Amino acid sequence: MVGEIMDSVIKEINQFFQTLNFNKVVINDYENFEYKGKYYKLTKAGFNYYLECALSLDEAQKNLHEDVEPYSAKLYPPEKLKEIIKNDIMKFIVNGY
């Protein structure tokens, strides 16, 4: 959430979204990143991270994000996890595979 101490993986991925020129939009105190009308964010629950997508601003405001991909922090150290998530953003979102 904005204003809290942000997890280092989430912080770096949010910066990565901005380097790709995704539009940063704060919705319900969470940074979302708009790209081609869809809203993306990385969240964390326990030892898992989730790359999430809302198909519209209305869905994002209602917190109706769907998981694009889950990631386990138990399987990878933070630096490797960041690399995997960045690669998936490029592959699934930017390049559309």
N, C-alpha and C. Protein backbone atom coordinates (compact mmCIF):
# COMPACT_ATOMS: atom_id res chain seq x y z
N MET A 1 0.83 -1.19 0.00
CA MET A 1 0.00 0.00 0.00
C MET A 1 0.87 1.25 0.00
N VAL A 2 0.36 2.28 -0.55
CA VAL A 2 1.07 3.54 -0.59
C VAL A 2 1.25 4.04 0.84
N GLY A 3 2.45 4.50 1.15
CA GLY A 3 2.71 5.04 2.48
C GLY A 3 3.25 4.02 3.46
N GLU A 4 3.13 2.75 3.16
CA GLU A 4 3.70 1.73 4.03
C GLU A 4 5.08 1.38 3.51
N ILE A 5 5.85 0.69 4.36
CA ILE A 5 7.14 0.20 3.89
C ILE A 5 6.85 -0.86 2.85
N MET A 6 7.34 -0.63 1.64
CA MET A 6 7.01 -1.52 0.55
C MET A 6 8.04 -2.63 0.41
N ASP A 7 7.56 -3.80 0.18
CA ASP A 7 8.37 -4.97 -0.09
C ASP A 7 9.34 -4.66 -1.24
N SER A 8 10.59 -5.11 -1.15
CA SER A 8 11.59 -4.77 -2.16
C SER A 8 11.27 -5.35 -3.53
N VAL A 9 10.65 -6.52 -3.58
CA VAL A 9 10.29 -7.11 -4.87
C VAL A 9 9.18 -6.28 -5.52
N ILE A 10 8.15 -5.95 -4.75
CA ILE A 10 7.05 -5.14 -5.28
C ILE A 10 7.56 -3.77 -5.70
N LYS A 11 8.42 -3.16 -4.89
CA LYS A 11 8.96 -1.84 -5.22
C LYS A 11 9.71 -1.87 -6.55
N GLU A 12 10.57 -2.88 -6.75
CA GLU A 12 11.34 -2.94 -7.99
C GLU A 12 10.45 -3.23 -9.19
N ILE A 13 9.45 -4.09 -9.02
CA ILE A 13 8.56 -4.39 -10.14
C ILE A 13 7.71 -3.17 -10.48
N ASN A 14 7.27 -2.42 -9.48
CA ASN A 14 6.52 -1.18 -9.76
C ASN A 14 7.38 -0.19 -10.54
N GLN A 15 8.67 -0.10 -10.20
CA GLN A 15 9.58 0.77 -10.95
C GLN A 15 9.76 0.25 -12.38
N PHE A 16 9.80 -1.08 -12.52
CA PHE A 16 9.94 -1.69 -13.85
C PHE A 16 8.74 -1.34 -14.73
N PHE A 17 7.53 -1.42 -14.16
CA PHE A 17 6.33 -1.03 -14.92
C PHE A 17 6.49 0.40 -15.45
N GLN A 18 7.03 1.29 -14.62
CA GLN A 18 7.18 2.68 -15.03
C GLN A 18 8.25 2.85 -16.11
N THR A 19 9.32 2.04 -16.06
CA THR A 19 10.34 2.13 -17.11
C THR A 19 9.77 1.67 -18.45
N LEU A 20 8.71 0.86 -18.41
CA LEU A 20 8.05 0.40 -19.64
C LEU A 20 6.96 1.38 -20.09
N ASN A 21 6.86 2.52 -19.40
CA ASN A 21 5.87 3.56 -19.69
C ASN A 21 4.43 3.13 -19.44
N PHE A 22 4.23 2.21 -18.49
CA PHE A 22 2.88 1.92 -18.04
C PHE A 22 2.46 3.15 -17.23
N ASN A 23 1.19 3.49 -17.24
CA ASN A 23 0.69 4.66 -16.51
C ASN A 23 0.38 4.28 -15.07
N LYS A 24 1.05 4.92 -14.12
CA LYS A 24 0.82 4.65 -12.69
C LYS A 24 -0.47 5.31 -12.25
N VAL A 25 -1.36 4.51 -11.65
CA VAL A 25 -2.64 4.99 -11.14
C VAL A 25 -2.84 4.40 -9.75
N VAL A 26 -3.03 5.24 -8.75
CA VAL A 26 -3.27 4.74 -7.40
C VAL A 26 -4.78 4.51 -7.25
N ILE A 27 -5.13 3.25 -6.99
CA ILE A 27 -6.53 2.86 -6.84
C ILE A 27 -6.66 2.13 -5.52
N ASN A 28 -7.55 2.60 -4.66
CA ASN A 28 -7.77 1.98 -3.35
C ASN A 28 -6.46 1.83 -2.58
N ASP A 29 -5.61 2.85 -2.63
CA ASP A 29 -4.33 2.91 -1.93
C ASP A 29 -3.26 1.98 -2.50
N TYR A 30 -3.50 1.33 -3.63
CA TYR A 30 -2.50 0.46 -4.26
C TYR A 30 -2.08 1.04 -5.60
N GLU A 31 -0.78 0.93 -5.86
CA GLU A 31 -0.28 1.36 -7.16
C GLU A 31 -0.68 0.32 -8.20
N ASN A 32 -1.40 0.77 -9.22
CA ASN A 32 -1.74 -0.04 -10.38
C ASN A 32 -1.03 0.58 -11.56
N PHE A 33 -0.83 -0.21 -12.59
CA PHE A 33 -0.13 0.27 -13.77
C PHE A 33 -0.95 -0.07 -14.99
N GLU A 34 -1.46 1.00 -15.64
CA GLU A 34 -2.34 0.83 -16.79
C GLU A 34 -1.53 0.64 -18.05
N TYR A 35 -1.93 -0.33 -18.85
CA TYR A 35 -1.29 -0.60 -20.15
C TYR A 35 -2.36 -1.15 -21.08
N LYS A 36 -2.60 -0.41 -22.15
CA LYS A 36 -3.60 -0.79 -23.16
C LYS A 36 -4.97 -1.06 -22.54
N GLY A 37 -5.35 -0.21 -21.56
CA GLY A 37 -6.67 -0.29 -20.96
C GLY A 37 -6.83 -1.31 -19.85
N LYS A 38 -5.77 -2.05 -19.54
CA LYS A 38 -5.81 -3.02 -18.45
C LYS A 38 -4.94 -2.51 -17.31
N TYR A 39 -5.27 -2.94 -16.10
CA TYR A 39 -4.60 -2.45 -14.90
C TYR A 39 -3.89 -3.60 -14.19
N TYR A 40 -2.59 -3.44 -13.99
CA TYR A 40 -1.75 -4.49 -13.43
C TYR A 40 -1.19 -4.07 -12.08
N LYS A 41 -0.97 -5.06 -11.20
CA LYS A 41 -0.29 -4.80 -9.94
C LYS A 41 0.33 -6.11 -9.46
N LEU A 42 1.35 -5.96 -8.63
CA LEU A 42 1.98 -7.11 -8.00
C LEU A 42 1.63 -7.04 -6.52
N THR A 43 1.08 -8.13 -6.00
CA THR A 43 0.70 -8.19 -4.59
C THR A 43 1.43 -9.35 -3.93
N LYS A 44 1.39 -9.36 -2.61
CA LYS A 44 2.03 -10.43 -1.85
C LYS A 44 1.08 -10.91 -0.76
N ALA A 45 1.00 -12.23 -0.63
CA ALA A 45 0.23 -12.85 0.45
C ALA A 45 1.07 -14.00 0.99
N GLY A 46 1.47 -13.89 2.24
CA GLY A 46 2.34 -14.91 2.81
C GLY A 46 3.68 -14.95 2.09
N PHE A 47 4.05 -16.12 1.58
CA PHE A 47 5.30 -16.26 0.84
C PHE A 47 5.08 -16.21 -0.67
N ASN A 48 3.90 -15.82 -1.09
CA ASN A 48 3.59 -15.80 -2.52
C ASN A 48 3.35 -14.39 -3.03
N TYR A 49 3.79 -14.17 -4.28
CA TYR A 49 3.51 -12.93 -4.99
C TYR A 49 2.53 -13.27 -6.11
N TYR A 50 1.73 -12.28 -6.46
CA TYR A 50 0.76 -12.49 -7.53
C TYR A 50 0.79 -11.30 -8.49
N LEU A 51 1.02 -11.58 -9.75
CA LEU A 51 0.88 -10.58 -10.80
C LEU A 51 -0.60 -10.60 -11.16
N GLU A 52 -1.27 -9.46 -10.96
CA GLU A 52 -2.72 -9.41 -11.13
C GLU A 52 -3.12 -8.41 -12.21
N CYS A 53 -4.29 -8.66 -12.82
CA CYS A 53 -4.78 -7.81 -13.89
C CYS A 53 -6.27 -7.56 -13.73
N ALA A 54 -6.67 -6.30 -13.88
CA ALA A 54 -8.08 -5.93 -13.99
C ALA A 54 -8.30 -5.48 -15.43
N LEU A 55 -9.40 -5.89 -16.03
CA LEU A 55 -9.62 -5.62 -17.45
C LEU A 55 -10.11 -4.21 -17.74
N SER A 56 -10.47 -3.45 -16.68
CA SER A 56 -10.94 -2.08 -16.87
C SER A 56 -10.71 -1.29 -15.59
N LEU A 57 -10.83 0.03 -15.69
CA LEU A 57 -10.72 0.88 -14.51
C LEU A 57 -11.81 0.54 -13.51
N ASP A 58 -13.02 0.28 -14.00
CA ASP A 58 -14.14 -0.07 -13.12
C ASP A 58 -13.81 -1.34 -12.33
N GLU A 59 -13.27 -2.36 -12.99
CA GLU A 59 -12.90 -3.60 -12.29
C GLU A 59 -11.78 -3.34 -11.28
N ALA A 60 -10.81 -2.50 -11.66
CA ALA A 60 -9.71 -2.18 -10.75
C ALA A 60 -10.24 -1.47 -9.50
N GLN A 61 -11.17 -0.54 -9.69
CA GLN A 61 -11.74 0.19 -8.56
C GLN A 61 -12.54 -0.73 -7.64
N LYS A 62 -13.12 -1.79 -8.21
CA LYS A 62 -13.88 -2.77 -7.43
C LYS A 62 -12.97 -3.91 -6.94
N ASN A 63 -11.67 -3.78 -7.20
CA ASN A 63 -10.67 -4.77 -6.80
C ASN A 63 -10.96 -6.15 -7.38
N LEU A 64 -11.40 -6.17 -8.64
CA LEU A 64 -11.71 -7.42 -9.33
C LEU A 64 -10.56 -7.85 -10.23
N HIS A 65 -9.36 -7.88 -9.66
CA HIS A 65 -8.19 -8.31 -10.41
C HIS A 65 -8.15 -9.84 -10.47
N GLU A 66 -7.71 -10.35 -11.59
CA GLU A 66 -7.50 -11.79 -11.77
C GLU A 66 -6.01 -12.05 -11.70
N ASP A 67 -5.63 -13.20 -11.17
CA ASP A 67 -4.22 -13.56 -11.14
C ASP A 67 -3.75 -13.90 -12.54
N VAL A 68 -2.65 -13.26 -12.96
CA VAL A 68 -2.01 -13.59 -14.22
C VAL A 68 -1.04 -14.73 -13.97
N GLU A 69 -0.29 -14.61 -12.88
CA GLU A 69 0.74 -15.61 -12.56
C GLU A 69 1.08 -15.53 -11.07
N PRO A 70 1.20 -16.69 -10.40
CA PRO A 70 1.67 -16.70 -9.01
C PRO A 70 3.17 -16.99 -8.96
N TYR A 71 3.83 -16.50 -7.93
CA TYR A 71 5.27 -16.72 -7.74
C TYR A 71 5.53 -17.04 -6.27
N SER A 72 6.35 -18.03 -6.01
CA SER A 72 6.66 -18.42 -4.64
C SER A 72 8.02 -17.88 -4.21
N ALA A 73 8.03 -17.11 -3.13
CA ALA A 73 9.28 -16.59 -2.59
C ALA A 73 10.07 -17.69 -1.87
N LYS A 74 9.45 -18.83 -1.64
CA LYS A 74 10.16 -19.96 -1.03
C LYS A 74 11.03 -20.68 -2.06
N LEU A 75 10.68 -20.56 -3.34
CA LEU A 75 11.42 -21.25 -4.40
C LEU A 75 12.63 -20.47 -4.91
N TYR A 76 12.56 -19.13 -4.82
CA TYR A 76 13.61 -18.29 -5.42
C TYR A 76 14.04 -17.19 -4.47
N PRO A 77 15.32 -16.82 -4.50
CA PRO A 77 15.75 -15.63 -3.74
C PRO A 77 15.17 -14.38 -4.42
N PRO A 78 15.09 -13.27 -3.70
CA PRO A 78 14.46 -12.05 -4.25
C PRO A 78 15.01 -11.61 -5.61
N GLU A 79 16.32 -11.64 -5.82
CA GLU A 79 16.87 -11.17 -7.10
C GLU A 79 16.41 -12.04 -8.26
N LYS A 80 16.36 -13.35 -8.06
CA LYS A 80 15.90 -14.27 -9.11
C LYS A 80 14.41 -14.07 -9.35
N LEU A 81 13.65 -13.88 -8.28
CA LEU A 81 12.21 -13.66 -8.38
C LEU A 81 11.91 -12.41 -9.21
N LYS A 82 12.65 -11.33 -8.95
CA LYS A 82 12.47 -10.10 -9.71
C LYS A 82 12.72 -10.34 -11.20
N GLU A 83 13.77 -11.08 -11.51
CA GLU A 83 14.11 -11.39 -12.90
C GLU A 83 13.00 -12.18 -13.58
N ILE A 84 12.47 -13.19 -12.89
CA ILE A 84 11.40 -14.03 -13.44
C ILE A 84 10.14 -13.19 -13.70
N ILE A 85 9.77 -12.36 -12.73
CA ILE A 85 8.56 -11.53 -12.89
C ILE A 85 8.73 -10.54 -14.04
N LYS A 86 9.89 -9.90 -14.13
CA LYS A 86 10.14 -8.96 -15.23
C LYS A 86 10.04 -9.67 -16.58
N ASN A 87 10.62 -10.86 -16.67
CA ASN A 87 10.55 -11.62 -17.92
C ASN A 87 9.11 -11.96 -18.28
N ASP A 88 8.31 -12.33 -17.27
CA ASP A 88 6.90 -12.65 -17.53
C ASP A 88 6.12 -11.41 -17.96
N ILE A 89 6.41 -10.27 -17.37
CA ILE A 89 5.74 -9.03 -17.78
C ILE A 89 6.03 -8.76 -19.26
N MET A 90 7.28 -8.92 -19.63
CA MET A 90 7.65 -8.70 -21.04
C MET A 90 6.96 -9.72 -21.95
N LYS A 91 6.99 -10.98 -21.54
CA LYS A 91 6.45 -12.05 -22.39
C LYS A 91 4.93 -12.00 -22.48
N PHE A 92 4.24 -11.92 -21.35
CA PHE A 92 2.78 -12.05 -21.34
C PHE A 92 2.02 -10.74 -21.55
N ILE A 93 2.58 -9.63 -21.09
CA ILE A 93 1.85 -8.36 -21.16
C ILE A 93 2.33 -7.53 -22.34
N VAL A 94 3.62 -7.22 -22.38
CA VAL A 94 4.13 -6.34 -23.43
C VAL A 94 4.12 -7.02 -24.80
N ASN A 95 4.59 -8.26 -24.87
CA ASN A 95 4.66 -8.96 -26.15
C ASN A 95 3.42 -9.82 -26.43
N GLY A 96 2.56 -9.99 -25.43
CA GLY A 96 1.28 -10.64 -25.62
C GLY A 96 1.29 -12.13 -25.94
N TYR A 97 2.23 -12.87 -25.38
CA TYR A 97 2.25 -14.33 -25.62
C TYR A 97 1.40 -15.07 -24.61
